[in-house]
N, C-alpha and C. Protein backbone atom coordinates (compact mmCIF):
# COMPACT_ATOMS: atom_id res chain seq x y z
N MET A 1 9.24 132.10 205.81
CA MET A 1 9.63 132.17 204.54
C MET A 1 11.48 132.24 204.40
N SER A 2 11.58 130.88 203.72
CA SER A 2 12.68 130.49 203.77
C SER A 2 13.64 131.28 202.21
N GLY A 3 14.82 132.06 202.61
CA GLY A 3 15.59 132.24 201.40
C GLY A 3 16.53 131.38 200.64
N ARG A 4 16.75 131.26 199.49
CA ARG A 4 17.98 130.48 198.83
C ARG A 4 19.27 131.20 199.13
N GLY A 5 20.26 130.74 200.09
CA GLY A 5 21.55 131.38 200.38
C GLY A 5 22.06 131.96 198.94
N GLY A 6 22.64 131.48 197.78
CA GLY A 6 23.11 132.05 196.84
C GLY A 6 22.41 132.83 195.68
N ASP A 7 20.96 133.25 196.24
CA ASP A 7 19.90 133.98 194.81
C ASP A 7 20.33 135.18 195.41
N ARG A 8 20.12 136.05 194.25
CA ARG A 8 20.03 137.78 194.69
C ARG A 8 18.81 137.99 193.94
N ASP A 9 18.49 139.24 193.78
CA ASP A 9 17.55 140.04 193.02
C ASP A 9 18.13 140.63 192.12
N ALA A 10 17.14 141.14 191.39
CA ALA A 10 17.55 141.70 190.02
C ALA A 10 18.53 143.14 190.19
N LEU A 11 18.45 143.65 191.37
CA LEU A 11 19.26 144.59 191.30
C LEU A 11 20.36 144.08 192.26
N GLY A 12 20.97 142.95 192.35
CA GLY A 12 22.01 142.13 192.56
C GLY A 12 21.99 141.94 194.43
N ARG A 13 20.43 142.15 195.05
CA ARG A 13 21.07 142.00 196.83
C ARG A 13 20.57 140.77 196.75
N PRO A 14 21.11 139.97 198.09
CA PRO A 14 20.82 138.79 198.23
C PRO A 14 19.35 138.92 199.36
N PHE A 15 18.62 137.36 198.44
CA PHE A 15 17.48 137.23 199.43
C PHE A 15 17.74 136.84 200.98
N ALA A 16 16.64 137.02 201.97
CA ALA A 16 16.84 136.59 202.99
C ALA A 16 16.55 135.54 203.65
N ALA A 17 17.46 135.02 204.94
CA ALA A 17 17.17 133.72 204.94
C ALA A 17 16.71 133.62 206.77
N HIS A 18 16.23 132.37 207.11
CA HIS A 18 16.28 132.05 208.61
C HIS A 18 14.95 133.52 209.16
N SER A 19 13.60 133.32 208.46
CA SER A 19 12.94 134.52 208.97
C SER A 19 11.50 133.92 209.22
N ARG A 20 10.79 134.98 210.02
CA ARG A 20 9.61 134.59 210.24
C ARG A 20 8.58 135.81 209.44
N THR A 21 7.55 135.24 208.41
CA THR A 21 6.65 135.88 207.67
C THR A 21 5.28 135.94 207.89
N ALA A 22 5.02 137.31 207.22
CA ALA A 22 3.40 137.95 207.44
C ALA A 22 2.76 136.98 206.01
N SER A 23 1.60 136.66 206.23
CA SER A 23 0.87 135.94 205.03
C SER A 23 0.46 137.56 204.03
N PRO A 24 0.82 137.35 202.64
CA PRO A 24 0.50 138.42 201.99
C PRO A 24 -1.29 138.72 201.56
N ALA A 25 -1.60 139.53 201.52
CA ALA A 25 -2.92 139.93 200.95
C ALA A 25 -3.37 139.62 200.11
N PRO A 26 -4.32 138.77 199.75
CA PRO A 26 -4.96 138.41 198.51
C PRO A 26 -5.23 139.18 197.43
N ALA A 27 -4.45 139.14 196.05
CA ALA A 27 -4.94 140.31 195.06
C ALA A 27 -5.02 139.09 193.82
N GLU A 28 -6.17 139.76 193.37
CA GLU A 28 -6.26 139.13 192.04
C GLU A 28 -5.44 139.12 190.80
N GLY A 29 -4.89 137.49 190.57
CA GLY A 29 -4.44 138.08 189.11
C GLY A 29 -2.67 138.44 189.57
N ARG A 30 -2.34 138.32 190.84
CA ARG A 30 -0.86 138.79 191.48
C ARG A 30 -0.42 137.32 192.11
N ALA A 31 0.88 137.09 191.89
CA ALA A 31 1.25 135.74 192.20
C ALA A 31 1.83 136.26 193.59
N PRO A 32 1.83 135.32 194.41
CA PRO A 32 2.58 135.47 196.02
C PRO A 32 4.13 135.66 195.91
N ALA A 33 4.26 136.61 197.03
CA ALA A 33 5.50 137.01 196.98
C ALA A 33 6.44 136.05 197.39
N ARG A 34 7.56 136.21 196.59
CA ARG A 34 8.56 135.41 196.73
C ARG A 34 9.89 135.72 198.30
N ALA A 35 10.47 134.96 198.11
CA ALA A 35 11.52 135.08 199.14
C ALA A 35 11.83 136.60 198.69
N VAL A 36 12.36 137.22 200.00
CA VAL A 36 12.52 138.98 199.88
C VAL A 36 13.85 139.00 200.16
N PRO A 37 14.61 140.24 199.62
CA PRO A 37 16.16 140.26 199.92
C PRO A 37 16.43 140.40 201.43
N ALA A 38 17.83 140.86 201.87
CA ALA A 38 18.08 140.90 203.19
C ALA A 38 18.86 142.34 203.07
N PRO A 39 17.82 143.43 203.08
CA PRO A 39 18.58 145.01 203.07
C PRO A 39 19.37 145.10 203.80
N ALA A 40 19.68 146.60 204.36
CA ALA A 40 20.45 147.20 205.16
C ALA A 40 20.05 147.41 206.78
N ARG A 41 20.79 147.91 207.30
CA ARG A 41 20.27 148.28 208.74
C ARG A 41 18.98 149.64 208.55
N THR A 42 18.47 149.36 210.04
CA THR A 42 17.62 150.26 210.01
C THR A 42 17.62 151.96 210.50
N ASP A 43 18.49 152.02 210.72
CA ASP A 43 19.28 153.62 211.45
C ASP A 43 19.56 154.21 210.08
N GLY A 44 19.43 155.62 210.19
CA GLY A 44 20.00 156.77 209.53
C GLY A 44 19.38 156.39 208.04
N THR A 45 18.19 156.76 208.07
CA THR A 45 17.33 157.03 207.02
C THR A 45 17.13 158.55 206.91
N ALA A 46 16.55 158.69 205.72
CA ALA A 46 16.08 159.93 204.98
C ALA A 46 14.78 160.20 204.37
N PRO A 47 14.13 160.81 204.94
CA PRO A 47 12.40 160.89 204.22
C PRO A 47 12.73 160.97 202.54
N ALA A 48 11.81 160.60 201.68
CA ALA A 48 11.96 160.81 200.21
C ALA A 48 11.83 162.14 199.69
N GLY A 49 12.68 162.59 198.99
CA GLY A 49 12.98 164.07 198.53
C GLY A 49 14.39 164.41 199.05
N ASP A 50 14.44 163.84 200.49
CA ASP A 50 15.45 164.76 200.95
C ASP A 50 17.05 164.10 199.96
N ARG A 51 17.86 165.45 199.97
CA ARG A 51 18.81 165.40 198.99
C ARG A 51 20.53 165.08 199.74
N ALA A 52 20.23 164.57 201.14
CA ALA A 52 21.28 164.29 201.75
C ALA A 52 21.38 163.00 202.40
N PRO A 53 21.21 161.66 201.83
CA PRO A 53 20.70 160.61 202.78
C PRO A 53 21.92 160.54 203.81
N ALA A 54 21.40 159.80 205.12
CA ALA A 54 22.29 159.63 205.89
C ALA A 54 23.63 158.50 205.72
N ARG A 55 24.56 158.49 206.32
CA ARG A 55 25.42 157.69 205.93
C ARG A 55 25.40 156.42 206.93
N ALA A 56 25.45 155.24 206.42
CA ALA A 56 25.42 153.91 207.30
C ALA A 56 26.97 153.97 207.75
N GLU A 57 27.22 152.73 208.64
CA GLU A 57 28.20 152.61 209.36
C GLU A 57 29.16 151.89 208.52
N ALA A 58 28.64 150.94 207.23
CA ALA A 58 29.53 150.39 206.24
C ALA A 58 30.41 151.15 205.45
N THR A 59 31.47 150.55 205.17
CA THR A 59 32.62 151.83 204.61
C THR A 59 33.01 151.06 203.36
N GLY A 60 32.93 149.64 203.02
CA GLY A 60 33.30 149.34 201.62
C GLY A 60 32.37 148.26 201.05
N PRO A 61 32.41 147.69 199.94
CA PRO A 61 31.54 146.81 199.02
C PRO A 61 31.36 145.63 200.06
N SER A 62 29.85 145.23 199.88
CA SER A 62 29.56 144.02 200.78
C SER A 62 28.73 143.34 199.94
N ALA A 63 27.92 142.13 200.81
CA ALA A 63 26.73 141.63 200.18
C ALA A 63 25.43 142.85 199.82
N ALA A 64 25.80 143.65 200.74
CA ALA A 64 24.66 145.02 200.46
C ALA A 64 24.83 145.76 199.53
N THR A 65 26.07 145.63 198.65
CA THR A 65 26.51 146.39 197.81
C THR A 65 25.98 145.89 196.54
N PRO A 66 24.85 146.65 195.58
CA PRO A 66 24.85 145.72 194.56
C PRO A 66 25.85 146.42 193.28
N ASP A 67 25.92 145.45 192.27
CA ASP A 67 26.17 145.52 191.10
C ASP A 67 25.38 146.60 190.14
N ILE A 68 26.46 148.07 189.73
CA ILE A 68 25.55 148.75 189.03
C ILE A 68 26.42 148.89 187.82
N ASP A 69 25.69 148.78 186.35
CA ASP A 69 25.93 148.88 185.12
C ASP A 69 25.01 150.14 184.57
N ASP A 70 25.94 150.18 183.13
CA ASP A 70 24.99 151.43 182.77
C ASP A 70 24.15 151.93 182.62
N PHE A 71 22.79 150.42 182.61
CA PHE A 71 21.93 150.76 182.43
C PHE A 71 20.82 150.83 183.68
N THR A 72 21.08 150.46 184.80
CA THR A 72 20.63 150.75 186.07
C THR A 72 21.32 151.80 186.85
N ARG A 73 22.42 152.36 186.18
CA ARG A 73 22.95 153.59 186.68
C ARG A 73 22.06 154.76 187.10
N PRO A 74 21.16 155.18 186.18
CA PRO A 74 20.26 156.16 186.20
C PRO A 74 19.40 155.98 187.62
N TRP A 75 18.79 155.00 187.82
CA TRP A 75 18.09 154.54 189.08
C TRP A 75 18.71 154.73 190.42
N TRP A 76 20.17 154.20 190.45
CA TRP A 76 20.82 154.18 191.46
C TRP A 76 21.49 155.67 191.84
N GLU A 77 21.79 156.61 190.69
CA GLU A 77 21.89 158.02 190.69
C GLU A 77 20.94 158.70 191.26
N ALA A 78 19.67 158.21 190.71
CA ALA A 78 18.68 158.97 191.37
C ALA A 78 18.11 158.91 192.91
N ALA A 79 18.51 157.47 193.06
CA ALA A 79 18.64 157.02 194.76
C ALA A 79 19.15 157.92 195.75
N ALA A 80 20.50 158.37 194.67
CA ALA A 80 21.29 158.96 195.98
C ALA A 80 20.72 159.93 196.20
N GLU A 81 20.07 160.70 195.03
CA GLU A 81 19.52 162.43 195.51
C GLU A 81 18.11 162.00 195.87
N GLY A 82 17.75 160.64 196.63
CA GLY A 82 16.45 160.92 197.50
C GLY A 82 15.21 160.84 196.28
N ARG A 83 15.57 160.21 195.34
CA ARG A 83 14.37 160.34 194.06
C ARG A 83 14.34 158.69 194.18
N LEU A 84 13.00 158.05 194.00
CA LEU A 84 12.79 156.50 193.63
C LEU A 84 11.95 156.51 191.80
N LEU A 85 13.17 155.84 191.62
CA LEU A 85 12.61 155.72 189.69
C LEU A 85 11.52 154.42 189.37
N VAL A 86 10.86 154.51 188.53
CA VAL A 86 10.09 153.35 187.84
C VAL A 86 10.48 153.32 186.41
N ARG A 87 10.32 152.14 185.52
CA ARG A 87 10.01 152.36 184.30
C ARG A 87 9.06 152.13 184.05
N ARG A 88 8.28 153.07 183.01
CA ARG A 88 7.10 153.16 182.12
C ARG A 88 7.12 152.92 180.70
N CYS A 89 6.11 152.04 180.21
CA CYS A 89 5.94 151.94 179.03
C CYS A 89 5.21 152.57 178.16
N GLY A 90 5.56 153.30 177.23
CA GLY A 90 5.03 154.06 176.42
C GLY A 90 3.91 153.82 175.58
N ALA A 91 4.13 152.68 175.23
CA ALA A 91 2.98 151.75 174.55
C ALA A 91 1.50 151.41 174.74
N CYS A 92 2.12 150.52 176.44
CA CYS A 92 0.59 149.95 177.05
C CYS A 92 0.30 150.84 178.19
N GLY A 93 1.57 151.94 178.88
CA GLY A 93 1.28 152.46 180.01
C GLY A 93 1.50 152.28 181.03
N ARG A 94 1.60 150.79 181.15
CA ARG A 94 2.05 150.45 182.47
C ARG A 94 3.60 150.43 183.08
N ALA A 95 3.64 150.62 184.52
CA ALA A 95 5.12 150.92 184.89
C ALA A 95 5.30 149.42 185.56
N HIS A 96 6.85 149.36 185.61
CA HIS A 96 7.06 147.86 185.92
C HIS A 96 8.54 148.19 187.00
N HIS A 97 8.89 147.47 187.69
CA HIS A 97 10.23 147.10 188.60
C HIS A 97 10.07 145.55 188.75
N TYR A 98 11.27 145.30 189.06
CA TYR A 98 13.04 146.02 188.77
C TYR A 98 13.27 146.69 187.37
N PRO A 99 13.95 147.15 186.85
CA PRO A 99 14.28 148.02 185.55
C PRO A 99 14.76 147.12 184.53
N ARG A 100 13.89 147.25 183.46
CA ARG A 100 14.20 146.67 182.22
C ARG A 100 14.10 147.29 180.86
N GLU A 101 14.60 146.75 180.08
CA GLU A 101 14.97 147.64 178.87
C GLU A 101 13.91 147.15 178.25
N PHE A 102 12.84 146.43 178.06
CA PHE A 102 11.53 146.16 177.42
C PHE A 102 10.30 145.99 178.69
N CYS A 103 8.97 145.91 178.04
CA CYS A 103 8.06 145.91 179.08
C CYS A 103 7.50 144.46 179.07
N PRO A 104 7.44 144.25 180.29
CA PRO A 104 7.36 142.76 180.53
C PRO A 104 5.78 142.26 180.37
N TYR A 105 5.43 143.41 179.80
CA TYR A 105 3.44 143.30 179.85
C TYR A 105 3.01 143.13 178.40
N CYS A 106 4.02 144.26 177.74
CA CYS A 106 3.60 144.03 175.86
C CYS A 106 4.76 143.67 175.33
N TRP A 107 6.09 143.64 176.00
CA TRP A 107 7.36 143.39 175.25
C TRP A 107 7.70 144.70 174.38
N SER A 108 6.78 145.66 174.41
CA SER A 108 7.59 147.17 173.65
C SER A 108 8.90 147.72 174.21
N GLU A 109 9.61 148.00 173.23
CA GLU A 109 11.10 148.57 174.06
C GLU A 109 10.67 150.34 174.10
N GLU A 110 9.53 150.61 174.03
CA GLU A 110 9.46 151.95 174.03
C GLU A 110 9.30 152.38 175.45
N VAL A 111 10.21 152.06 176.44
CA VAL A 111 9.92 152.04 177.66
C VAL A 111 11.27 153.33 178.27
N GLY A 112 10.44 154.01 179.59
CA GLY A 112 11.72 155.13 179.93
C GLY A 112 11.32 155.19 181.46
N TRP A 113 12.46 155.89 182.12
CA TRP A 113 12.26 156.56 183.31
C TRP A 113 11.39 157.46 183.60
N GLU A 114 10.82 156.88 184.99
CA GLU A 114 9.77 157.82 185.31
C GLU A 114 10.42 158.11 187.09
N GLN A 115 9.97 159.25 187.52
CA GLN A 115 9.93 159.65 188.89
C GLN A 115 8.78 159.19 189.76
N ALA A 116 8.69 158.28 190.86
CA ALA A 116 7.73 157.58 191.44
C ALA A 116 7.27 158.47 192.65
N SER A 117 6.33 158.54 193.31
CA SER A 117 6.10 159.35 194.13
C SER A 117 6.61 159.22 195.46
N GLY A 118 6.82 157.97 195.87
CA GLY A 118 7.70 157.26 196.92
C GLY A 118 6.56 156.79 198.01
N ARG A 119 5.40 156.66 197.43
CA ARG A 119 4.43 156.05 198.41
C ARG A 119 4.07 154.72 198.08
N ALA A 120 3.55 153.80 198.77
CA ALA A 120 3.55 152.52 198.67
C ALA A 120 2.75 151.71 199.86
N THR A 121 2.20 150.70 200.06
CA THR A 121 1.55 149.94 201.01
C THR A 121 2.41 148.62 201.01
N LEU A 122 2.05 148.11 202.27
CA LEU A 122 2.76 146.85 202.83
C LEU A 122 2.16 145.44 202.28
N TYR A 123 2.91 144.79 201.30
CA TYR A 123 2.45 143.76 200.74
C TYR A 123 2.59 142.16 201.56
N THR A 124 3.58 142.26 201.87
CA THR A 124 4.40 141.04 203.05
C THR A 124 5.60 141.55 203.59
N TRP A 125 5.58 140.77 204.60
CA TRP A 125 7.04 141.03 205.50
C TRP A 125 7.62 139.82 206.03
N SER A 126 8.92 140.00 206.33
CA SER A 126 9.45 139.00 206.97
C SER A 126 10.31 139.46 207.77
N VAL A 127 10.37 139.04 209.41
CA VAL A 127 11.40 139.60 210.15
C VAL A 127 12.57 138.80 210.56
N VAL A 128 13.46 139.17 209.81
CA VAL A 128 14.79 138.06 209.70
C VAL A 128 15.64 138.04 211.09
N HIS A 129 15.69 137.25 211.61
CA HIS A 129 16.51 136.74 213.11
C HIS A 129 17.75 136.40 213.02
N ARG A 130 18.48 135.69 211.48
CA ARG A 130 19.50 135.30 211.03
C ARG A 130 19.76 135.82 209.58
N ASN A 131 21.13 136.12 209.54
CA ASN A 131 21.79 136.24 208.57
C ASN A 131 23.27 136.38 208.53
N ASP A 132 23.72 135.12 208.04
CA ASP A 132 25.45 134.75 208.23
C ASP A 132 26.11 135.91 207.17
N LEU A 133 25.19 136.35 206.04
CA LEU A 133 26.06 137.22 205.15
C LEU A 133 26.76 138.81 205.87
N LEU A 134 27.57 139.24 205.41
CA LEU A 134 27.91 140.57 205.87
C LEU A 134 27.79 141.68 205.16
N PRO A 135 27.23 142.60 205.70
CA PRO A 135 26.88 143.27 206.95
C PRO A 135 25.59 142.44 207.63
N PHE A 136 25.06 141.96 207.16
CA PHE A 136 23.71 141.55 207.94
C PHE A 136 23.81 140.89 209.11
N ARG A 137 24.72 140.64 209.10
CA ARG A 137 25.13 139.40 210.70
C ARG A 137 24.58 140.72 211.89
N ALA A 138 25.42 141.29 211.76
CA ALA A 138 25.14 142.49 212.84
C ALA A 138 24.14 143.21 213.15
N ARG A 139 22.95 143.26 211.86
CA ARG A 139 21.99 143.85 211.63
C ARG A 139 20.81 143.47 212.01
N THR A 140 20.56 142.08 212.43
CA THR A 140 19.65 141.49 212.82
C THR A 140 18.70 141.81 214.39
N PRO A 141 17.57 141.79 214.60
CA PRO A 141 16.76 141.13 213.42
C PRO A 141 15.89 142.99 212.78
N TYR A 142 15.99 142.83 211.77
CA TYR A 142 15.54 143.41 210.72
C TYR A 142 14.23 143.09 209.89
N THR A 143 13.51 144.02 209.04
CA THR A 143 12.26 143.46 208.34
C THR A 143 12.27 143.67 206.96
N ALA A 144 12.56 142.34 206.49
CA ALA A 144 12.44 142.63 204.86
C ALA A 144 11.13 142.39 204.46
N ALA A 145 10.70 143.16 203.28
CA ALA A 145 9.46 143.35 202.59
C ALA A 145 9.25 143.41 201.35
N VAL A 146 8.00 142.85 201.02
CA VAL A 146 7.62 143.30 199.65
C VAL A 146 6.57 144.46 199.57
N VAL A 147 6.59 145.26 199.01
CA VAL A 147 5.78 146.67 199.06
C VAL A 147 4.86 146.90 197.73
N ASP A 148 3.72 147.39 197.71
CA ASP A 148 3.19 147.67 196.34
C ASP A 148 3.56 149.14 196.30
N LEU A 149 3.88 149.58 194.93
CA LEU A 149 4.26 150.94 194.79
C LEU A 149 2.92 151.74 194.81
N ALA A 150 2.31 152.81 194.81
CA ALA A 150 1.48 153.67 194.11
C ALA A 150 1.21 153.63 192.61
N GLU A 151 2.34 153.44 191.74
CA GLU A 151 2.29 153.43 190.55
C GLU A 151 1.73 152.16 190.17
N GLY A 152 1.94 150.98 190.93
CA GLY A 152 1.61 149.64 190.38
C GLY A 152 2.70 148.41 190.57
N PRO A 153 4.10 148.87 190.04
CA PRO A 153 4.82 147.72 190.61
C PRO A 153 4.99 147.33 192.20
N ARG A 154 5.59 146.21 192.15
CA ARG A 154 5.57 145.38 193.45
C ARG A 154 7.30 145.49 193.87
N MET A 155 7.45 145.93 195.02
CA MET A 155 9.34 145.84 195.10
C MET A 155 9.25 145.44 196.37
N MET A 156 10.56 144.56 196.18
CA MET A 156 11.29 143.82 197.68
C MET A 156 11.99 145.27 197.95
N THR A 157 12.53 145.22 199.57
CA THR A 157 12.58 146.20 200.10
C THR A 157 12.92 145.63 201.81
N GLU A 158 13.08 147.11 202.80
CA GLU A 158 13.03 146.84 204.21
C GLU A 158 12.29 148.11 204.76
N ILE A 159 11.35 147.35 206.02
CA ILE A 159 10.83 148.36 206.89
C ILE A 159 11.20 149.03 207.97
N VAL A 160 11.79 150.44 207.76
CA VAL A 160 12.54 150.70 208.97
C VAL A 160 11.43 151.99 209.79
N GLY A 161 11.77 152.17 210.89
CA GLY A 161 10.81 152.85 211.82
C GLY A 161 9.72 152.51 212.44
N CYS A 162 9.54 150.86 212.55
CA CYS A 162 8.10 150.51 212.37
C CYS A 162 8.42 149.07 213.46
N ALA A 163 7.71 149.02 214.76
CA ALA A 163 8.10 147.56 215.61
C ALA A 163 7.59 146.47 214.75
N GLU A 164 8.06 145.41 215.22
CA GLU A 164 7.08 144.42 214.28
C GLU A 164 5.74 144.23 214.92
N GLU A 165 5.28 144.64 215.69
CA GLU A 165 4.17 144.49 216.26
C GLU A 165 3.04 145.16 215.81
N ASP A 166 3.71 146.36 215.21
CA ASP A 166 2.89 147.57 214.48
C ASP A 166 2.37 147.50 213.14
N LEU A 167 3.49 146.61 212.62
CA LEU A 167 3.16 146.17 211.07
C LEU A 167 1.96 145.53 211.08
N ARG A 168 1.62 146.11 209.64
CA ARG A 168 -0.04 145.77 209.30
C ARG A 168 -0.46 145.46 207.86
N ILE A 169 -0.37 144.83 206.76
CA ILE A 169 -0.88 144.12 205.91
C ILE A 169 -1.77 145.45 205.26
N GLY A 170 -0.89 146.38 204.48
CA GLY A 170 -1.81 147.41 203.55
C GLY A 170 -1.61 148.87 204.27
N MET A 171 -0.56 148.74 205.38
CA MET A 171 -0.32 149.92 206.23
C MET A 171 0.38 150.96 205.11
N GLU A 172 0.03 152.15 204.84
CA GLU A 172 0.88 153.03 204.24
C GLU A 172 1.97 153.48 204.39
N LEU A 173 3.09 153.70 203.50
CA LEU A 173 4.44 153.63 203.53
C LEU A 173 4.89 154.47 202.61
N GLU A 174 5.93 155.24 203.11
CA GLU A 174 6.66 156.24 202.53
C GLU A 174 8.37 156.15 201.88
N ALA A 175 9.21 156.27 200.96
CA ALA A 175 10.13 155.74 200.98
C ALA A 175 11.16 156.73 201.78
N ALA A 176 12.14 155.92 202.07
CA ALA A 176 13.45 156.70 202.59
C ALA A 176 14.66 155.86 201.88
N PHE A 177 15.57 156.81 202.33
CA PHE A 177 16.64 156.69 201.45
C PHE A 177 18.19 156.13 202.36
N ARG A 178 19.05 155.34 202.38
CA ARG A 178 20.26 155.07 203.38
C ARG A 178 21.28 154.71 202.27
N GLU A 179 22.84 155.41 203.00
CA GLU A 179 23.79 155.02 202.55
C GLU A 179 24.53 154.01 202.75
N GLU A 180 24.83 153.13 201.89
CA GLU A 180 25.59 151.53 202.02
C GLU A 180 27.03 152.32 202.02
N GLY A 181 27.81 150.86 201.92
CA GLY A 181 29.23 151.39 201.61
C GLY A 181 29.54 151.29 200.29
N GLY A 182 30.53 152.10 200.26
CA GLY A 182 30.85 151.94 198.50
C GLY A 182 30.03 153.67 197.94
N ALA A 183 29.50 154.08 198.93
CA ALA A 183 28.11 155.59 198.52
C ALA A 183 27.39 155.17 197.46
N VAL A 184 26.50 153.46 197.79
CA VAL A 184 25.80 153.58 197.08
C VAL A 184 24.47 153.56 198.29
N VAL A 185 23.46 154.56 197.67
CA VAL A 185 22.19 154.50 198.43
C VAL A 185 21.23 153.81 197.86
N VAL A 186 20.81 153.29 199.33
CA VAL A 186 19.37 152.13 198.64
C VAL A 186 18.03 152.60 199.30
N PRO A 187 16.76 152.85 198.45
CA PRO A 187 15.38 152.79 199.20
C PRO A 187 15.19 151.95 200.06
N VAL A 188 14.55 152.35 201.18
CA VAL A 188 14.06 151.83 202.32
C VAL A 188 12.83 152.14 202.51
N PHE A 189 11.38 151.64 203.37
CA PHE A 189 10.40 152.14 203.61
C PHE A 189 9.86 152.36 205.11
N ALA A 190 9.24 153.28 205.11
CA ALA A 190 8.82 153.60 206.61
C ALA A 190 7.51 154.16 206.72
N PRO A 191 6.52 153.89 208.03
CA PRO A 191 5.19 154.49 207.93
C PRO A 191 5.10 155.69 207.45
N VAL A 192 3.81 156.29 206.67
CA VAL A 192 3.69 157.60 206.62
C VAL A 192 3.86 158.44 207.94
N ARG A 193 4.33 159.11 208.16
CA ARG A 193 4.24 160.21 209.20
C ARG A 193 3.07 160.92 209.28
N ALA A 194 2.27 160.79 210.29
CA ALA A 194 1.18 161.76 210.57
C ALA A 194 1.40 163.13 210.37
N VAL A 195 0.12 163.59 209.61
CA VAL A 195 0.30 165.09 209.67
C VAL A 195 -1.12 165.63 210.33
N THR A 196 -0.52 166.47 210.87
CA THR A 196 -1.71 166.98 212.03
C THR A 196 -2.14 168.39 211.34
N ALA A 197 -3.56 168.23 210.86
CA ALA A 197 -4.19 169.41 210.35
C ALA A 197 -4.21 170.89 211.21
N PRO A 198 -3.75 171.74 210.71
CA PRO A 198 -3.91 173.01 211.54
C PRO A 198 -5.33 173.18 212.13
N PRO A 199 -5.20 174.10 213.46
CA PRO A 199 -6.56 174.28 213.80
C PRO A 199 -7.43 175.15 213.54
N ARG A 200 -8.86 175.25 212.89
CA ARG A 200 -9.53 175.72 212.30
C ARG A 200 -9.81 177.33 213.31
N ARG A 201 -9.98 178.10 212.53
CA ARG A 201 -10.19 179.53 213.17
C ARG A 201 -11.75 179.81 213.57
N ARG A 202 -12.20 179.75 214.54
CA ARG A 202 -13.70 180.40 214.93
C ARG A 202 -14.19 181.65 214.02
N GLY A 203 -15.31 181.83 213.93
CA GLY A 203 -15.90 183.22 213.43
C GLY A 203 -15.37 183.28 211.80
């Protein structure tokens, strides 16, 4: 899957280029995934809900730093607190992402912010081996991806903490958060951590 060099997603991040792609799982009524963004490095993540995202090495604005306006500011402020937000329509009840001031399904302006669970499944991914934009040049290879949030919307992101050979379409993921240059925190996703059930008592 090749990205278009000058294109960016709705939150200001560039699409990926020179990458190897997994075919998405078929989903009735859903369009195929487009080129995904080139998010940031894979270290220094914090699980969803943690209030102190780890700091990345970048120290200033770069291609990984989004343009934040008054409308999207609540989304970025929540991310800085380790929370993922989506927008939900009060008229039709459907959630959407990226953030918009109207519902993309019924066009109602009765929409508001809602905290998401941070859970998702992997829709498709692309391992990026070359990206000439800073700071991504030093971060290859990394796994750009599209995930289906538990609330319904589809989101472009990065998969961390998982080797390429272990990636599977439909695998369960959870949000993590990483600080970029300029004190901007971006959500990424990692495999759901295995939970070991406590041993049962006998008798």
